[in-house]
Every structure is written in structure tokens, then in C-alpha cells.
Amino acid sequence: MQRILTCNIGNTNTQIANWIENRIEKVIQVDTQHLYKGKLNLKKPDAVFTASTVPDKAEEWKRIVRNMWGLEVSFISKRTNFGVEIEYKDNLGQDRISNIAAGYLRADNNFIVIDFGTATTVDVVIDSRYMGGLIFAGIDLGLRALYRYTSLLPRVEPKKVDKILGKGTDECLLLGAYWGEKTRIGGIVDRIRKEFKQDFPVLTTGGMGEEISRELGYRYDRWLTLRGIKYIADKTGIP
């Protein structure tokens, strides 16, 4: 049985999935800033495929994999041919490429994929062609910025609050972050659908995406990025 490890190194958290053939056997999540302290307790894989948005942690991960198993890490690239034509002026993030791959796997030729991470990203594919996307601060990053750059606003952890108006500063911050993100995402999706005259399916992952997706009628998958990495791994083959 083929054993593949897929790893998504994000700005805040890192997810590591152990695949046996096409089934996820186990997912480990660790703090990206303490990646080396993560307890993997995994059998040696046949290959390791990774998407990273943190270059220094990608190098650290390469050393971990090399020391543990004597393997070299394969990183995601927009040059990989997995069915979607990608034209992008700069280096499209490896996580975004993986999300696009997962979207192509699950929704075929036309879709919107949204990742509610430290940064929220929106990417659009039409007729198997990458059309472009958006990037903006995620819910937690926005809350941290308000705490850091104001004198009196407290630090609060993001969570859903089931009302529209708050009666305390903590509550007001949470409500502003949650409803602001939901309204922004809903408006962006509506605008994209209107501009391209298509009722795109919307796939989402990350952060508070599950709650927002449920309310907006989008398809949420906690491990979407990991699935995209695995799909690209299958297309690429074991090095």
C-alpha cells in the first residue's frame, strides 16, 4: 500500500496528513512556529508533498523529513499540470494552488474556492482556467491588528456570536469580525457570479469558514488544501 504524507504549512498552523492510498488515516495539527516540537509518530511514507506559505518553516520541514526518514520534500508549484491552466504574474501561493487543485477535483471546470486563513483568499476557475483572485486580512488577523494598533481595544479570540449587536467591547469586536467577514465574502461571491454570469459552486476551508459557509450555503471541507496537495501528488507521481 502506498503511503503519502501531505503537509500544509500555514502562517499560524501546520496540518500534516498521512494517506494510505486515497484515504486519510491521520491528520496532525501543530503550531507553525513550533513545528520542530510536533510529535509526528508516523510510519515512514513513500513520499512527502508540501504546500508552504512560510519559507523559513519550509526549510525547517525539509530538515525534519530528511532527518526522520531520509526523504526529500516535494513542494507544490504552479508548473505542475493537474488540469487547470494557471497564469499569474508573481508566485501564486502553494496553498492557493492546492486549493485550486482540490476545487478542480471536486467541482470540475468552474468554481470559486475560499480559504479562511490568516489571510482570506478567494480564487476563481472558469473552463479549467485560473481567472484570478483576491487576498485580504482574515478574521483573526483583523482582530489582532485592532488590538495592536489601538490603545484600548482588547485582544479577543474569534468565535461566532449569534446576534448582530453587542453590548460590550469584546462582543462588539467579535460581532464586527464575524459579520464583516460573512458580508464581505457573500458580497464578493455575488459580484463574481454576476460579472461572469455563472452560478459557481463555492468550496471553502480554514478558520471560521465552517460557520460562515453553512450560513451562506457553501461547501466546507476542513482538509481541502490537504486533498489538493494529494491530488497534485497523484498527478506528479512519487519522485
Protein backbone atom coordinates (compact mmCIF):
# COMPACT_ATOMS: atom_id res chain seq x y z
CA MET A 1 0.00 0.00 0.00
CA GLN A 2 1.27 3.43 -0.96
CA ARG A 3 1.77 5.80 1.96
CA ILE A 4 1.91 9.54 1.15
CA LEU A 5 2.38 12.42 3.58
CA THR A 6 0.84 15.77 2.65
CA CYS A 7 1.70 18.88 4.63
CA ASN A 8 0.15 22.35 4.61
CA ILE A 9 2.42 24.86 6.36
CA GLY A 10 0.36 27.97 7.10
CA ASN A 11 1.24 31.20 8.85
CA THR A 12 -0.47 30.07 12.06
CA ASN A 13 -0.96 26.30 11.92
CA THR A 14 0.55 23.36 10.07
CA GLN A 15 -1.53 20.34 9.05
CA ILE A 16 0.11 17.01 8.25
CA ALA A 17 -1.99 14.21 6.74
CA ASN A 18 -0.97 10.58 6.46
CA TRP A 19 -2.59 8.99 3.41
CA ILE A 20 -2.88 5.28 2.70
CA GLU A 21 -3.79 5.07 -0.98
CA ASN A 22 -6.71 7.56 -1.28
CA ARG A 23 -7.77 7.59 2.37
CA ILE A 24 -6.64 9.95 5.12
CA GLU A 25 -5.54 7.74 8.00
CA LYS A 26 -4.49 10.52 10.36
CA VAL A 27 -4.14 14.32 10.49
CA ILE A 28 -1.80 16.09 12.90
CA GLN A 29 -2.07 19.84 13.51
CA VAL A 30 0.76 21.79 15.15
CA ASP A 31 1.66 25.42 15.75
CA THR A 32 3.77 26.51 12.78
CA GLN A 33 6.13 28.50 15.00
CA HIS A 34 6.95 25.31 16.93
CA LEU A 35 6.96 22.90 14.02
CA TYR A 36 10.04 21.03 15.25
CA LYS A 37 8.26 20.21 18.52
CA GLY A 38 5.39 18.46 16.76
CA LYS A 39 5.03 14.78 17.66
CA LEU A 40 4.60 13.06 14.31
CA ASN A 41 4.59 9.40 15.40
CA LEU A 42 4.12 8.33 11.79
CA LYS A 43 5.48 5.43 9.81
CA LYS A 44 7.94 6.24 7.07
CA PRO A 45 6.00 7.43 3.99
CA ASP A 46 6.85 6.71 0.38
CA ALA A 47 6.88 10.45 -0.39
CA VAL A 48 6.21 13.83 1.22
CA PHE A 49 4.38 16.59 -0.68
CA THR A 50 4.07 20.04 0.87
CA ALA A 51 2.47 23.45 0.37
CA SER A 52 4.04 26.25 2.40
CA THR A 53 3.42 29.97 2.84
CA VAL A 54 6.32 30.33 5.31
CA PRO A 55 9.73 29.95 3.60
CA ASP A 56 11.86 29.51 6.74
CA LYS A 57 9.49 26.87 8.10
CA ALA A 58 9.57 25.10 4.75
CA GLU A 59 13.34 24.78 5.16
CA GLU A 60 12.84 23.52 8.71
CA TRP A 61 10.33 20.95 7.47
CA LYS A 62 12.80 19.76 4.82
CA ARG A 63 15.37 19.13 7.56
CA ILE A 64 12.84 17.30 9.75
CA VAL A 65 11.78 14.99 6.91
CA ARG A 66 15.38 14.37 5.85
CA ASN A 67 16.47 13.55 9.40
CA MET A 68 13.47 11.35 10.22
CA TRP A 69 13.08 9.38 7.02
CA GLY A 70 15.92 10.26 4.65
CA LEU A 71 13.44 11.71 2.14
CA GLU A 72 13.35 14.94 0.17
CA VAL A 73 10.20 17.08 0.28
CA SER A 74 8.36 17.82 -2.97
CA PHE A 75 6.85 21.32 -2.94
CA ILE A 76 3.77 22.40 -4.88
CA SER A 77 4.38 24.51 -7.99
CA LYS A 78 2.09 26.24 -10.49
CA ARG A 79 4.11 24.45 -13.18
CA THR A 80 2.51 21.17 -12.14
CA ASN A 81 -0.03 20.07 -14.73
CA PHE A 82 -3.12 18.93 -12.82
CA GLY A 83 -5.84 20.11 -15.22
CA VAL A 84 -6.10 23.87 -14.57
CA GLU A 85 -4.23 26.40 -16.70
CA ILE A 86 -2.65 28.97 -14.38
CA GLU A 87 -1.31 32.35 -15.46
CA TYR A 88 -0.16 34.58 -12.61
CA LYS A 89 2.31 37.47 -12.61
CA ASP A 90 4.01 36.54 -9.35
CA ASN A 91 4.43 33.29 -7.49
CA LEU A 92 0.94 32.03 -6.76
CA GLY A 93 0.88 30.69 -3.20
CA GLN A 94 1.36 26.95 -2.87
CA ASP A 95 -1.68 26.75 -0.60
CA ARG A 96 -3.81 28.53 -3.21
CA ILE A 97 -2.58 26.21 -5.96
CA SER A 98 -3.52 23.25 -3.76
CA ASN A 99 -6.97 24.71 -3.08
CA ILE A 100 -7.47 25.19 -6.82
CA ALA A 101 -6.45 21.57 -7.41
CA ALA A 102 -8.94 20.38 -4.78
CA GLY A 103 -11.65 22.53 -6.34
CA TYR A 104 -10.92 21.03 -9.75
CA LEU A 105 -11.10 17.54 -8.26
CA ARG A 106 -14.43 18.16 -6.52
CA ALA A 107 -16.22 20.71 -8.70
CA ASP A 108 -14.67 20.15 -12.15
CA ASN A 109 -14.17 23.10 -14.54
CA ASN A 110 -15.93 26.08 -12.89
CA PHE A 111 -15.77 27.04 -9.23
CA ILE A 112 -14.81 29.53 -6.54
CA VAL A 113 -12.54 28.37 -3.72
CA ILE A 114 -12.14 30.34 -0.48
CA ASP A 115 -9.61 29.78 2.30
CA PHE A 116 -10.36 31.46 5.65
CA GLY A 117 -6.78 31.52 6.92
CA THR A 118 -4.56 34.18 8.46
CA ALA A 119 -5.22 35.85 5.14
CA THR A 120 -8.54 35.06 3.46
CA THR A 121 -8.05 34.12 -0.19
CA VAL A 122 -10.61 33.84 -2.98
CA ASP A 123 -9.73 32.12 -6.27
CA VAL A 124 -11.85 31.61 -9.39
CA VAL A 125 -11.59 28.97 -12.13
CA ILE A 126 -13.67 29.06 -15.32
CA ASP A 127 -13.45 26.39 -18.03
CA SER A 128 -10.38 24.92 -16.31
CA ARG A 129 -8.60 28.28 -16.48
CA TYR A 130 -7.49 30.27 -13.45
CA MET A 131 -9.12 33.70 -13.76
CA GLY A 132 -7.61 35.40 -10.70
CA GLY A 133 -8.45 36.05 -7.08
CA LEU A 134 -8.44 38.28 -4.02
CA ILE A 135 -6.45 38.40 -0.78
CA PHE A 136 -7.42 40.25 2.39
CA ALA A 137 -6.87 40.03 6.14
CA GLY A 138 -8.59 37.11 7.82
CA ILE A 139 -10.82 37.33 10.89
CA ASP A 140 -8.12 36.64 13.48
CA LEU A 141 -5.56 38.90 11.79
CA GLY A 142 -8.08 41.75 11.77
CA LEU A 143 -8.77 41.28 15.48
CA ARG A 144 -5.05 41.17 16.27
CA ALA A 145 -4.46 44.34 14.26
CA LEU A 146 -7.17 46.19 16.21
CA TYR A 147 -5.56 45.09 19.47
CA ARG A 148 -2.06 46.05 18.35
CA TYR A 149 -2.78 49.40 16.74
CA THR A 150 -5.31 50.82 19.20
CA SER A 151 -4.85 51.83 22.83
CA LEU A 152 -7.96 50.44 24.48
CA LEU A 153 -9.34 47.59 22.38
CA PRO A 154 -8.68 44.17 23.95
CA ARG A 155 -7.35 41.01 22.34
CA VAL A 156 -10.18 38.57 21.68
CA GLU A 157 -10.17 35.13 20.11
CA PRO A 158 -12.50 34.76 17.11
CA LYS A 159 -15.73 32.85 17.58
CA LYS A 160 -19.28 33.04 16.32
CA VAL A 161 -21.79 35.14 18.26
CA ASP A 162 -25.47 34.61 17.45
CA LYS A 163 -26.71 38.18 17.26
CA ILE A 164 -25.98 41.37 15.35
CA LEU A 165 -25.36 43.99 18.06
CA GLY A 166 -23.02 43.76 21.04
CA LYS A 167 -23.31 45.33 24.49
CA GLY A 168 -19.66 45.08 25.46
CA THR A 169 -16.38 45.79 23.69
CA ASP A 170 -15.33 42.14 23.43
CA GLU A 171 -18.70 41.22 21.99
CA CYS A 172 -18.69 44.15 19.56
CA LEU A 173 -15.26 43.13 18.26
CA LEU A 174 -16.36 39.54 17.72
CA LEU A 175 -19.56 40.59 16.00
CA GLY A 176 -17.79 43.07 13.77
CA ALA A 177 -15.21 40.47 12.74
CA TYR A 178 -17.71 37.68 12.10
CA TRP A 179 -20.46 39.63 10.34
CA GLY A 180 -17.93 41.74 8.49
CA GLU A 181 -16.27 38.63 7.05
CA LYS A 182 -19.56 36.94 6.22
CA THR A 183 -20.95 40.05 4.50
CA ARG A 184 -17.72 40.68 2.62
CA ILE A 185 -17.44 37.09 1.37
CA GLY A 186 -21.10 36.89 0.40
CA GLY A 187 -20.86 40.17 -1.48
CA ILE A 188 -17.69 39.15 -3.31
CA VAL A 189 -19.17 35.81 -4.40
CA ASP A 190 -22.35 37.52 -5.60
CA ARG A 191 -20.29 40.04 -7.58
CA ILE A 192 -18.17 37.31 -9.21
CA ARG A 193 -21.26 35.30 -10.14
CA LYS A 194 -22.90 38.39 -11.60
CA GLU A 195 -19.83 39.53 -13.54
CA PHE A 196 -19.18 36.13 -15.12
CA LYS A 197 -22.88 35.21 -15.39
CA GLN A 198 -22.37 31.82 -13.75
CA ASP A 199 -23.77 30.28 -10.58
CA PHE A 200 -20.41 28.93 -9.45
CA PRO A 201 -20.23 26.29 -6.73
CA VAL A 202 -18.22 27.64 -3.79
CA LEU A 203 -15.78 25.43 -1.89
CA THR A 204 -14.28 26.67 1.37
CA THR A 205 -11.78 25.70 4.04
CA GLY A 206 -9.89 27.10 7.02
CA GLY A 207 -10.52 29.07 10.19
CA MET A 208 -14.12 30.11 10.79
CA GLY A 209 -15.07 29.03 7.31
CA GLU A 210 -17.37 26.27 8.52
CA GLU A 211 -19.85 28.57 10.27
CA ILE A 212 -19.84 31.19 7.51
CA SER A 213 -20.11 28.54 4.78
CA ARG A 214 -23.07 26.88 6.45
CA GLU A 215 -24.95 30.17 6.60
CA LEU A 216 -24.08 31.12 3.02
CA GLY A 217 -24.74 27.67 1.55
CA TYR A 218 -21.14 26.94 0.54
CA ARG A 219 -19.37 23.56 0.67
CA TYR A 220 -16.88 23.48 3.55
CA ASP A 221 -14.05 20.93 3.83
CA ARG A 222 -11.61 21.25 6.72
CA TRP A 223 -8.95 19.27 4.82
CA LEU A 224 -9.49 20.79 1.37
CA THR A 225 -5.89 22.03 1.00
CA LEU A 226 -4.51 18.63 2.01
CA ARG A 227 -6.76 16.96 -0.57
CA GLY A 228 -5.47 19.32 -3.22
CA ILE A 229 -1.87 18.52 -2.32
CA LYS A 230 -2.68 14.80 -2.57
CA TYR A 231 -4.35 15.28 -5.96
CA ILE A 232 -1.23 17.07 -7.25
CA ALA A 233 0.93 14.30 -5.74
CA ASP A 234 -1.09 11.71 -7.65
CA LYS A 235 -0.63 13.67 -10.88
CA THR A 236 3.08 14.20 -10.26
CA GLY A 237 3.97 10.74 -9.05
CA ILE A 238 6.50 9.71 -6.41
CA PRO A 239 9.88 11.33 -7.15
